[in-house]
Amino acid sequence: MTAIGLYGPVNHLLYAASIMLVSGSQILYGRYMAKDDTASRDNVFSVNLVFSMIFSIFLGVGMAIFAGTGLTGYMVSGEAELVALNAYFLGMAPGIPGLVVGQQLFSFLSLENRTRRTMAATLVCVAVNTGADILLVAGFGMGTLGLALASVLSFWAFCAVMAAYYLSGKSELHLHLHALRW
């Protein structure tokens, strides 16, 4: 519980950054929607996702380095807590892109009025997290690392359910990686 509690500020940072990206993108999206400028809307979508992915990978790597080098030691006083915190940080690091990009996709799907897809993604997230928690923690006895990995799996499942819509070609928005206007 200590490791999860100490991870809380990192979680708040991730949510704050995601909300900032979502808010700015929605403002720009609305401006371009009023002008019926499809190319600019696609660009906002593309830049948002590319930046979100780069930013979240940077944070995930930083978090893994932070835990891997023991810099988390200033956060706890005991060795057992330090081991648990480092395991949780290392376990959560690969899930940060799934979480941040998933939050962006959630927002864009809401703009496209695809609330069933966002609801499905949320339900899949909860189901995967619950099942993986049971399997990894109770079944394999992975403790704190298992809790983190269960969350990581649920973040990526959440992201995948929503990304599938954009990859299907049915969406109003399209990801264009060439000629991004930052």
N, C-alpha and C. Protein backbone atom coordinates (compact mmCIF):
# COMPACT_ATOMS: atom_id res chain seq x y z
N MET A 1 0.83 -1.19 0.00
CA MET A 1 0.00 0.00 0.00
C MET A 1 0.87 1.25 0.00
N THR A 2 2.02 1.19 0.66
CA THR A 2 2.93 2.35 0.70
C THR A 2 3.40 2.69 -0.70
N ALA A 3 3.77 1.69 -1.47
CA ALA A 3 4.27 1.93 -2.83
C ALA A 3 3.20 2.59 -3.70
N ILE A 4 1.99 2.10 -3.61
CA ILE A 4 0.89 2.66 -4.41
C ILE A 4 0.60 4.09 -3.95
N GLY A 5 0.62 4.33 -2.66
CA GLY A 5 0.40 5.67 -2.13
C GLY A 5 1.48 6.64 -2.58
N LEU A 6 2.72 6.19 -2.57
CA LEU A 6 3.82 7.06 -2.99
C LEU A 6 3.84 7.28 -4.50
N TYR A 7 3.20 6.39 -5.22
CA TYR A 7 3.09 6.56 -6.67
C TYR A 7 2.02 7.59 -7.02
N GLY A 8 1.15 7.88 -6.09
CA GLY A 8 0.04 8.81 -6.30
C GLY A 8 0.43 10.13 -6.95
N PRO A 9 1.47 10.83 -6.46
CA PRO A 9 1.85 12.09 -7.11
C PRO A 9 2.26 11.92 -8.58
N VAL A 10 2.88 10.81 -8.90
CA VAL A 10 3.24 10.55 -10.30
C VAL A 10 1.96 10.40 -11.12
N ASN A 11 1.01 9.70 -10.56
CA ASN A 11 -0.28 9.52 -11.24
C ASN A 11 -0.95 10.87 -11.47
N HIS A 12 -0.91 11.74 -10.48
CA HIS A 12 -1.50 13.07 -10.62
C HIS A 12 -0.79 13.87 -11.71
N LEU A 13 0.53 13.75 -11.78
CA LEU A 13 1.29 14.41 -12.84
C LEU A 13 0.85 13.92 -14.21
N LEU A 14 0.69 12.61 -14.36
CA LEU A 14 0.26 12.04 -15.64
C LEU A 14 -1.13 12.53 -16.03
N TYR A 15 -2.05 12.52 -15.08
CA TYR A 15 -3.40 12.99 -15.38
C TYR A 15 -3.42 14.48 -15.69
N ALA A 16 -2.63 15.26 -14.97
CA ALA A 16 -2.58 16.71 -15.23
C ALA A 16 -2.02 16.98 -16.63
N ALA A 17 -0.96 16.29 -17.01
CA ALA A 17 -0.39 16.47 -18.35
C ALA A 17 -1.39 16.05 -19.42
N SER A 18 -2.07 14.94 -19.19
CA SER A 18 -3.06 14.47 -20.15
C SER A 18 -4.22 15.45 -20.30
N ILE A 19 -4.68 15.98 -19.19
CA ILE A 19 -5.78 16.96 -19.24
C ILE A 19 -5.34 18.21 -19.98
N MET A 20 -4.11 18.64 -19.75
CA MET A 20 -3.59 19.81 -20.46
C MET A 20 -3.57 19.56 -21.97
N LEU A 21 -3.08 18.40 -22.37
CA LEU A 21 -3.04 18.06 -23.80
C LEU A 21 -4.44 17.95 -24.39
N VAL A 22 -5.33 17.31 -23.67
CA VAL A 22 -6.71 17.15 -24.13
C VAL A 22 -7.39 18.50 -24.27
N SER A 23 -7.24 19.34 -23.25
CA SER A 23 -7.91 20.64 -23.27
C SER A 23 -7.45 21.49 -24.44
N GLY A 24 -6.16 21.60 -24.61
CA GLY A 24 -5.63 22.39 -25.73
C GLY A 24 -6.06 21.83 -27.07
N SER A 25 -6.04 20.52 -27.19
CA SER A 25 -6.44 19.89 -28.45
C SER A 25 -7.92 20.10 -28.74
N GLN A 26 -8.74 20.01 -27.71
CA GLN A 26 -10.18 20.21 -27.92
C GLN A 26 -10.49 21.64 -28.32
N ILE A 27 -9.78 22.60 -27.76
CA ILE A 27 -9.98 24.00 -28.15
C ILE A 27 -9.63 24.19 -29.62
N LEU A 28 -8.48 23.67 -30.02
CA LEU A 28 -8.07 23.79 -31.42
C LEU A 28 -9.01 23.01 -32.34
N TYR A 29 -9.40 21.82 -31.90
CA TYR A 29 -10.33 21.00 -32.68
C TYR A 29 -11.63 21.77 -32.92
N GLY A 30 -12.16 22.38 -31.87
CA GLY A 30 -13.40 23.15 -31.99
C GLY A 30 -13.25 24.32 -32.96
N ARG A 31 -12.12 24.99 -32.90
CA ARG A 31 -11.87 26.11 -33.81
C ARG A 31 -11.87 25.63 -35.26
N TYR A 32 -11.20 24.51 -35.52
CA TYR A 32 -11.12 24.00 -36.89
C TYR A 32 -12.43 23.34 -37.33
N MET A 33 -13.17 22.83 -36.39
CA MET A 33 -14.47 22.25 -36.72
C MET A 33 -15.42 23.35 -37.18
N ALA A 34 -15.37 24.50 -36.52
CA ALA A 34 -16.22 25.63 -36.91
C ALA A 34 -15.89 26.12 -38.31
N LYS A 35 -14.64 25.98 -38.71
CA LYS A 35 -14.21 26.40 -40.05
C LYS A 35 -14.35 25.28 -41.07
N ASP A 36 -14.78 24.10 -40.61
CA ASP A 36 -14.88 22.90 -41.45
C ASP A 36 -13.54 22.59 -42.12
N ASP A 37 -12.47 22.69 -41.33
CA ASP A 37 -11.10 22.47 -41.80
C ASP A 37 -10.64 21.08 -41.37
N THR A 38 -10.95 20.09 -42.19
CA THR A 38 -10.65 18.69 -41.88
C THR A 38 -9.15 18.45 -41.74
N ALA A 39 -8.35 19.04 -42.60
CA ALA A 39 -6.90 18.83 -42.56
C ALA A 39 -6.32 19.33 -41.23
N SER A 40 -6.77 20.46 -40.76
CA SER A 40 -6.27 21.00 -39.50
C SER A 40 -6.74 20.16 -38.31
N ARG A 41 -7.96 19.64 -38.38
CA ARG A 41 -8.44 18.75 -37.30
C ARG A 41 -7.60 17.49 -37.25
N ASP A 42 -7.31 16.91 -38.43
CA ASP A 42 -6.45 15.73 -38.47
C ASP A 42 -5.06 16.04 -37.93
N ASN A 43 -4.57 17.25 -38.21
CA ASN A 43 -3.25 17.64 -37.72
C ASN A 43 -3.25 17.76 -36.20
N VAL A 44 -4.30 18.37 -35.63
CA VAL A 44 -4.39 18.47 -34.17
C VAL A 44 -4.38 17.08 -33.56
N PHE A 45 -5.15 16.18 -34.12
CA PHE A 45 -5.22 14.80 -33.66
C PHE A 45 -3.85 14.14 -33.76
N SER A 46 -3.19 14.28 -34.89
CA SER A 46 -1.90 13.64 -35.12
C SER A 46 -0.81 14.20 -34.20
N VAL A 47 -0.74 15.53 -34.10
CA VAL A 47 0.27 16.14 -33.24
C VAL A 47 0.03 15.75 -31.78
N ASN A 48 -1.23 15.74 -31.37
CA ASN A 48 -1.56 15.35 -30.01
C ASN A 48 -1.06 13.94 -29.71
N LEU A 49 -1.36 13.01 -30.60
CA LEU A 49 -0.96 11.61 -30.35
C LEU A 49 0.55 11.42 -30.40
N VAL A 50 1.21 12.06 -31.36
CA VAL A 50 2.66 11.93 -31.46
C VAL A 50 3.33 12.54 -30.22
N PHE A 51 2.91 13.75 -29.85
CA PHE A 51 3.49 14.39 -28.67
C PHE A 51 3.20 13.58 -27.41
N SER A 52 1.97 13.09 -27.29
CA SER A 52 1.60 12.29 -26.12
C SER A 52 2.46 11.04 -26.02
N MET A 53 2.71 10.40 -27.14
CA MET A 53 3.53 9.19 -27.13
C MET A 53 4.97 9.52 -26.75
N ILE A 54 5.54 10.55 -27.35
CA ILE A 54 6.92 10.93 -27.03
C ILE A 54 7.04 11.33 -25.56
N PHE A 55 6.14 12.18 -25.11
CA PHE A 55 6.14 12.65 -23.73
C PHE A 55 6.01 11.49 -22.75
N SER A 56 5.10 10.57 -23.03
CA SER A 56 4.86 9.47 -22.10
C SER A 56 6.01 8.46 -22.10
N ILE A 57 6.64 8.26 -23.25
CA ILE A 57 7.82 7.38 -23.28
C ILE A 57 8.94 8.01 -22.46
N PHE A 58 9.13 9.31 -22.63
CA PHE A 58 10.14 10.03 -21.86
C PHE A 58 9.88 9.88 -20.35
N LEU A 59 8.64 10.05 -19.92
CA LEU A 59 8.29 9.89 -18.51
C LEU A 59 8.50 8.46 -18.03
N GLY A 60 8.12 7.50 -18.86
CA GLY A 60 8.29 6.10 -18.48
C GLY A 60 9.75 5.72 -18.32
N VAL A 61 10.57 6.16 -19.25
CA VAL A 61 12.02 5.88 -19.16
C VAL A 61 12.60 6.58 -17.94
N GLY A 62 12.19 7.84 -17.73
CA GLY A 62 12.67 8.57 -16.56
C GLY A 62 12.29 7.89 -15.26
N MET A 63 11.06 7.39 -15.20
CA MET A 63 10.60 6.71 -14.01
C MET A 63 11.39 5.41 -13.79
N ALA A 64 11.66 4.68 -14.86
CA ALA A 64 12.43 3.45 -14.74
C ALA A 64 13.86 3.75 -14.28
N ILE A 65 14.46 4.81 -14.80
CA ILE A 65 15.81 5.20 -14.38
C ILE A 65 15.78 5.63 -12.91
N PHE A 66 14.78 6.40 -12.54
CA PHE A 66 14.62 6.86 -11.18
C PHE A 66 14.59 5.68 -10.21
N ALA A 67 13.79 4.67 -10.55
CA ALA A 67 13.68 3.50 -9.68
C ALA A 67 14.90 2.59 -9.79
N GLY A 68 15.38 2.40 -11.01
CA GLY A 68 16.51 1.49 -11.23
C GLY A 68 17.80 1.96 -10.58
N THR A 69 17.96 3.26 -10.43
CA THR A 69 19.18 3.79 -9.81
C THR A 69 19.02 4.03 -8.32
N GLY A 70 17.83 3.77 -7.80
CA GLY A 70 17.60 3.93 -6.37
C GLY A 70 17.32 5.36 -5.93
N LEU A 71 17.06 6.24 -6.87
CA LEU A 71 16.75 7.63 -6.51
C LEU A 71 15.44 7.76 -5.75
N THR A 72 14.68 6.71 -5.72
CA THR A 72 13.44 6.71 -4.95
C THR A 72 13.70 6.60 -3.45
N GLY A 73 14.95 6.37 -3.08
CA GLY A 73 15.32 6.20 -1.67
C GLY A 73 14.95 7.37 -0.78
N TYR A 74 14.92 8.56 -1.33
CA TYR A 74 14.56 9.72 -0.52
C TYR A 74 13.07 9.74 -0.16
N MET A 75 12.28 8.91 -0.83
CA MET A 75 10.83 8.91 -0.61
C MET A 75 10.40 8.01 0.54
N VAL A 76 11.25 7.06 0.91
CA VAL A 76 10.89 6.09 1.95
C VAL A 76 12.02 5.96 2.97
N SER A 77 11.67 5.43 4.14
CA SER A 77 12.68 5.30 5.18
C SER A 77 13.16 3.86 5.38
N GLY A 78 12.35 2.90 4.95
CA GLY A 78 12.71 1.51 5.18
C GLY A 78 13.10 0.78 3.91
N GLU A 79 13.88 -0.26 4.07
CA GLU A 79 14.35 -1.05 2.92
C GLU A 79 13.19 -1.80 2.24
N ALA A 80 12.27 -2.34 3.02
CA ALA A 80 11.14 -3.08 2.44
C ALA A 80 10.27 -2.16 1.58
N GLU A 81 10.05 -0.94 2.07
CA GLU A 81 9.25 0.03 1.31
C GLU A 81 9.97 0.44 0.03
N LEU A 82 11.28 0.59 0.12
CA LEU A 82 12.08 0.97 -1.05
C LEU A 82 12.01 -0.11 -2.13
N VAL A 83 12.13 -1.35 -1.73
CA VAL A 83 12.05 -2.47 -2.69
C VAL A 83 10.67 -2.50 -3.35
N ALA A 84 9.62 -2.33 -2.56
CA ALA A 84 8.26 -2.35 -3.10
C ALA A 84 8.02 -1.16 -4.03
N LEU A 85 8.49 0.02 -3.63
CA LEU A 85 8.31 1.22 -4.45
C LEU A 85 9.05 1.09 -5.77
N ASN A 86 10.29 0.62 -5.73
CA ASN A 86 11.06 0.45 -6.96
C ASN A 86 10.40 -0.58 -7.88
N ALA A 87 9.91 -1.66 -7.32
CA ALA A 87 9.21 -2.66 -8.13
C ALA A 87 7.97 -2.07 -8.77
N TYR A 88 7.23 -1.26 -8.02
CA TYR A 88 6.01 -0.66 -8.55
C TYR A 88 6.34 0.35 -9.66
N PHE A 89 7.34 1.19 -9.42
CA PHE A 89 7.75 2.16 -10.44
C PHE A 89 8.22 1.46 -11.71
N LEU A 90 9.07 0.45 -11.55
CA LEU A 90 9.57 -0.28 -12.72
C LEU A 90 8.44 -1.00 -13.45
N GLY A 91 7.50 -1.53 -12.69
CA GLY A 91 6.36 -2.22 -13.30
C GLY A 91 5.43 -1.28 -14.04
N MET A 92 5.24 -0.08 -13.50
CA MET A 92 4.33 0.89 -14.11
C MET A 92 4.92 1.60 -15.33
N ALA A 93 6.21 1.72 -15.41
CA ALA A 93 6.87 2.49 -16.47
C ALA A 93 6.41 2.13 -17.89
N PRO A 94 6.33 0.85 -18.25
CA PRO A 94 5.91 0.54 -19.63
C PRO A 94 4.43 0.82 -19.92
N GLY A 95 3.66 1.11 -18.90
CA GLY A 95 2.24 1.38 -19.11
C GLY A 95 1.90 2.85 -19.30
N ILE A 96 2.87 3.71 -19.04
CA ILE A 96 2.58 5.14 -19.12
C ILE A 96 2.13 5.56 -20.52
N PRO A 97 2.77 5.12 -21.60
CA PRO A 97 2.24 5.49 -22.92
C PRO A 97 0.82 4.99 -23.17
N GLY A 98 0.50 3.80 -22.73
CA GLY A 98 -0.86 3.28 -22.89
C GLY A 98 -1.88 4.12 -22.15
N LEU A 99 -1.50 4.60 -20.97
CA LEU A 99 -2.40 5.43 -20.18
C LEU A 99 -2.58 6.80 -20.83
N VAL A 100 -1.49 7.48 -21.13
CA VAL A 100 -1.56 8.85 -21.66
C VAL A 100 -2.21 8.88 -23.04
N VAL A 101 -1.77 8.01 -23.93
CA VAL A 101 -2.36 7.98 -25.28
C VAL A 101 -3.82 7.52 -25.21
N GLY A 102 -4.10 6.58 -24.33
CA GLY A 102 -5.48 6.14 -24.15
C GLY A 102 -6.39 7.26 -23.71
N GLN A 103 -5.90 8.12 -22.83
CA GLN A 103 -6.71 9.25 -22.39
C GLN A 103 -6.96 10.23 -23.54
N GLN A 104 -5.98 10.39 -24.40
CA GLN A 104 -6.17 11.27 -25.55
C GLN A 104 -7.20 10.68 -26.51
N LEU A 105 -7.09 9.39 -26.78
CA LEU A 105 -8.05 8.73 -27.67
C LEU A 105 -9.46 8.79 -27.09
N PHE A 106 -9.57 8.62 -25.79
CA PHE A 106 -10.86 8.71 -25.11
C PHE A 106 -11.51 10.06 -25.40
N SER A 107 -10.73 11.11 -25.30
CA SER A 107 -11.24 12.45 -25.54
C SER A 107 -11.67 12.63 -26.99
N PHE A 108 -10.84 12.19 -27.93
CA PHE A 108 -11.19 12.35 -29.34
C PHE A 108 -12.39 11.49 -29.72
N LEU A 109 -12.51 10.31 -29.14
CA LEU A 109 -13.69 9.48 -29.40
C LEU A 109 -14.95 10.16 -28.87
N SER A 110 -14.84 10.83 -27.75
CA SER A 110 -15.98 11.57 -27.22
C SER A 110 -16.39 12.69 -28.17
N LEU A 111 -15.39 13.35 -28.79
CA LEU A 111 -15.69 14.39 -29.77
C LEU A 111 -16.41 13.82 -30.99
N GLU A 112 -16.10 12.58 -31.32
CA GLU A 112 -16.75 11.92 -32.45
C GLU A 112 -18.05 11.22 -32.03
N ASN A 113 -18.45 11.42 -30.78
CA ASN A 113 -19.67 10.84 -30.24
C ASN A 113 -19.66 9.31 -30.28
N ARG A 114 -18.53 8.73 -29.93
CA ARG A 114 -18.37 7.27 -29.88
C ARG A 114 -18.31 6.82 -28.43
N THR A 115 -19.37 7.15 -27.69
CA THR A 115 -19.38 6.85 -26.27
C THR A 115 -19.48 5.35 -25.97
N ARG A 116 -20.06 4.60 -26.87
CA ARG A 116 -20.10 3.14 -26.66
C ARG A 116 -18.69 2.56 -26.67
N ARG A 117 -17.87 3.06 -27.56
CA ARG A 117 -16.49 2.59 -27.65
C ARG A 117 -15.72 2.98 -26.39
N THR A 118 -15.91 4.21 -25.90
CA THR A 118 -15.21 4.61 -24.68
C THR A 118 -15.69 3.81 -23.48
N MET A 119 -16.98 3.51 -23.44
CA MET A 119 -17.52 2.68 -22.36
C MET A 119 -16.95 1.27 -22.44
N ALA A 120 -16.89 0.73 -23.65
CA ALA A 120 -16.31 -0.60 -23.83
C ALA A 120 -14.85 -0.62 -23.40
N ALA A 121 -14.11 0.42 -23.76
CA ALA A 121 -12.69 0.49 -23.38
C ALA A 121 -12.55 0.54 -21.86
N THR A 122 -13.42 1.27 -21.21
CA THR A 122 -13.38 1.37 -19.75
C THR A 122 -13.69 0.02 -19.11
N LEU A 123 -14.70 -0.66 -19.62
CA LEU A 123 -15.06 -1.98 -19.08
C LEU A 123 -13.95 -2.99 -19.31
N VAL A 124 -13.33 -2.96 -20.49
CA VAL A 124 -12.21 -3.86 -20.77
C VAL A 124 -11.05 -3.56 -19.82
N CYS A 125 -10.79 -2.28 -19.58
CA CYS A 125 -9.73 -1.87 -18.66
C CYS A 125 -9.96 -2.46 -17.27
N VAL A 126 -11.16 -2.33 -16.76
CA VAL A 126 -11.49 -2.83 -15.43
C VAL A 126 -11.39 -4.36 -15.39
N ALA A 127 -11.91 -5.01 -16.43
CA ALA A 127 -11.87 -6.48 -16.46
C ALA A 127 -10.44 -7.01 -16.55
N VAL A 128 -9.64 -6.40 -17.40
CA VAL A 128 -8.24 -6.84 -17.54
C VAL A 128 -7.48 -6.60 -16.24
N ASN A 129 -7.69 -5.43 -15.63
CA ASN A 129 -6.99 -5.13 -14.39
C ASN A 129 -7.37 -6.11 -13.29
N THR A 130 -8.66 -6.38 -13.17
CA THR A 130 -9.12 -7.30 -12.14
C THR A 130 -8.58 -8.71 -12.37
N GLY A 131 -8.71 -9.17 -13.60
CA GLY A 131 -8.22 -10.52 -13.91
C GLY A 131 -6.71 -10.64 -13.75
N ALA A 132 -5.99 -9.64 -14.21
CA ALA A 132 -4.53 -9.68 -14.10
C ALA A 132 -4.08 -9.55 -12.64
N ASP A 133 -4.79 -8.74 -11.85
CA ASP A 133 -4.46 -8.66 -10.42
C ASP A 133 -4.59 -10.03 -9.76
N ILE A 134 -5.68 -10.70 -10.04
CA ILE A 134 -5.91 -12.02 -9.46
C ILE A 134 -4.83 -13.00 -9.92
N LEU A 135 -4.55 -12.99 -11.21
CA LEU A 135 -3.57 -13.92 -11.76
C LEU A 135 -2.15 -13.61 -11.27
N LEU A 136 -1.74 -12.36 -11.40
CA LEU A 136 -0.34 -12.02 -11.09
C LEU A 136 -0.06 -11.94 -9.59
N VAL A 137 -1.01 -11.42 -8.82
CA VAL A 137 -0.76 -11.26 -7.39
C VAL A 137 -1.12 -12.53 -6.63
N ALA A 138 -2.36 -12.98 -6.80
CA ALA A 138 -2.79 -14.17 -6.06
C ALA A 138 -2.24 -15.45 -6.67
N GLY A 139 -2.26 -15.53 -8.00
CA GLY A 139 -1.82 -16.76 -8.66
C GLY A 139 -0.31 -16.95 -8.68
N PHE A 140 0.41 -15.93 -9.11
CA PHE A 140 1.86 -16.04 -9.25
C PHE A 140 2.63 -15.41 -8.09
N GLY A 141 1.93 -14.78 -7.15
CA GLY A 141 2.57 -14.20 -5.98
C GLY A 141 3.57 -13.10 -6.30
N MET A 142 3.26 -12.28 -7.30
CA MET A 142 4.21 -11.26 -7.74
C MET A 142 4.15 -9.97 -6.91
N GLY A 143 3.24 -9.88 -5.96
CA GLY A 143 3.19 -8.74 -5.06
C GLY A 143 3.02 -7.41 -5.76
N THR A 144 3.81 -6.44 -5.33
CA THR A 144 3.71 -5.07 -5.83
C THR A 144 3.98 -5.00 -7.33
N LEU A 145 4.95 -5.74 -7.80
CA LEU A 145 5.24 -5.76 -9.23
C LEU A 145 4.03 -6.29 -10.00
N GLY A 146 3.38 -7.31 -9.48
CA GLY A 146 2.19 -7.85 -10.12
C GLY A 146 1.05 -6.84 -10.20
N LEU A 147 0.88 -6.05 -9.14
CA LEU A 147 -0.14 -5.00 -9.16
C LEU A 147 0.15 -3.98 -10.26
N ALA A 148 1.41 -3.61 -10.38
CA ALA A 148 1.79 -2.64 -11.41
C ALA A 148 1.59 -3.23 -12.80
N LEU A 149 2.04 -4.44 -13.01
CA LEU A 149 1.90 -5.06 -14.34
C LEU A 149 0.44 -5.27 -14.72
N ALA A 150 -0.41 -5.55 -13.75
CA ALA A 150 -1.85 -5.67 -14.03
C ALA A 150 -2.38 -4.34 -14.53
N SER A 151 -1.97 -3.26 -13.90
CA SER A 151 -2.39 -1.93 -14.36
C SER A 151 -1.87 -1.64 -15.76
N VAL A 152 -0.63 -2.00 -16.01
CA VAL A 152 -0.04 -1.79 -17.33
C VAL A 152 -0.84 -2.52 -18.41
N LEU A 153 -1.16 -3.76 -18.15
CA LEU A 153 -1.96 -4.53 -19.11
C LEU A 153 -3.32 -3.87 -19.34
N SER A 154 -3.92 -3.37 -18.28
CA SER A 154 -5.23 -2.74 -18.43
C SER A 154 -5.13 -1.42 -19.19
N PHE A 155 -4.03 -0.65 -18.99
CA PHE A 155 -3.85 0.60 -19.73
C PHE A 155 -3.74 0.32 -21.22
N TRP A 156 -2.94 -0.68 -21.57
CA TRP A 156 -2.75 -1.00 -22.99
C TRP A 156 -4.02 -1.58 -23.62
N ALA A 157 -4.78 -2.35 -22.85
CA ALA A 157 -6.05 -2.87 -23.36
C ALA A 157 -7.02 -1.72 -23.60
N PHE A 158 -7.08 -0.79 -22.67
CA PHE A 158 -7.91 0.42 -22.77
C PHE A 158 -7.55 1.18 -24.05
N CYS A 159 -6.27 1.39 -24.24
CA CYS A 159 -5.79 2.12 -25.42
C CYS A 159 -6.11 1.35 -26.71
N ALA A 160 -5.90 0.05 -26.70
CA ALA A 160 -6.10 -0.77 -27.91
C ALA A 160 -7.55 -0.78 -28.37
N VAL A 161 -8.48 -0.84 -27.43
CA VAL A 161 -9.90 -0.85 -27.80
C VAL A 161 -10.24 0.43 -28.56
N MET A 162 -9.71 1.54 -28.09
CA MET A 162 -10.02 2.81 -28.75
C MET A 162 -9.21 3.01 -30.02
N ALA A 163 -7.95 2.58 -30.02
CA ALA A 163 -7.11 2.73 -31.21
C ALA A 163 -7.66 1.91 -32.37
N ALA A 164 -8.30 0.80 -32.07
CA ALA A 164 -8.86 -0.05 -33.12
C ALA A 164 -9.84 0.72 -34.00
N TYR A 165 -10.60 1.61 -33.39
CA TYR A 165 -11.56 2.42 -34.15
C TYR A 165 -10.82 3.30 -35.16
N TYR A 166 -9.75 3.93 -34.74
CA TYR A 166 -9.00 4.81 -35.63
C TYR A 166 -8.23 4.03 -36.69
N LEU A 167 -7.80 2.85 -36.34
CA LEU A 167 -7.10 2.01 -37.32
C LEU A 167 -8.05 1.38 -38.33
N SER A 168 -9.33 1.32 -38.00
CA SER A 168 -10.32 0.71 -38.91
C SER A 168 -10.63 1.59 -40.12
N GLY A 169 -10.31 2.87 -40.04
CA GLY A 169 -10.60 3.79 -41.14
C GLY A 169 -12.00 4.36 -41.10
N LYS A 170 -12.79 4.03 -40.10
CA LYS A 170 -14.17 4.51 -40.00
C LYS A 170 -14.27 5.88 -39.32
N SER A 171 -13.20 6.33 -38.73
CA SER A 171 -13.25 7.56 -37.94
C SER A 171 -13.24 8.81 -38.80
N GLU A 172 -13.71 9.90 -38.21
CA GLU A 172 -13.65 11.20 -38.88
C GLU A 172 -12.23 11.73 -38.87
N LEU A 173 -11.49 11.42 -37.83
CA LEU A 173 -10.11 11.88 -37.69
C LEU A 173 -9.15 10.80 -38.18
N HIS A 174 -8.05 11.25 -38.74
CA HIS A 174 -7.05 10.32 -39.27
C HIS A 174 -5.66 10.75 -38.81
N LEU A 175 -4.87 9.75 -38.46
CA LEU A 175 -3.51 10.00 -38.05
C LEU A 175 -2.63 10.14 -39.28
N HIS A 176 -1.98 11.30 -39.39
CA HIS A 176 -1.05 11.56 -40.48
C HIS A 176 0.30 11.89 -39.88
N LEU A 177 1.28 11.04 -40.10
CA LEU A 177 2.58 11.26 -39.50
C LEU A 177 3.53 12.08 -40.36
N HIS A 178 3.12 12.38 -41.57
CA HIS A 178 3.96 13.18 -42.44
C HIS A 178 3.48 14.65 -42.38
N ALA A 179 4.41 15.54 -42.48
CA ALA A 179 4.12 16.99 -42.53
C ALA A 179 3.27 17.47 -41.36
N LEU A 180 3.66 17.07 -40.15
CA LEU A 180 2.96 17.55 -38.98
C LEU A 180 3.24 19.04 -38.78
N ARG A 181 2.20 19.78 -38.49
CA ARG A 181 2.35 21.22 -38.19
C ARG A 181 2.26 21.37 -36.67
N TRP A 182 3.39 21.56 -36.04
CA TRP A 182 3.45 21.63 -34.59
C TRP A 182 2.92 22.94 -34.08
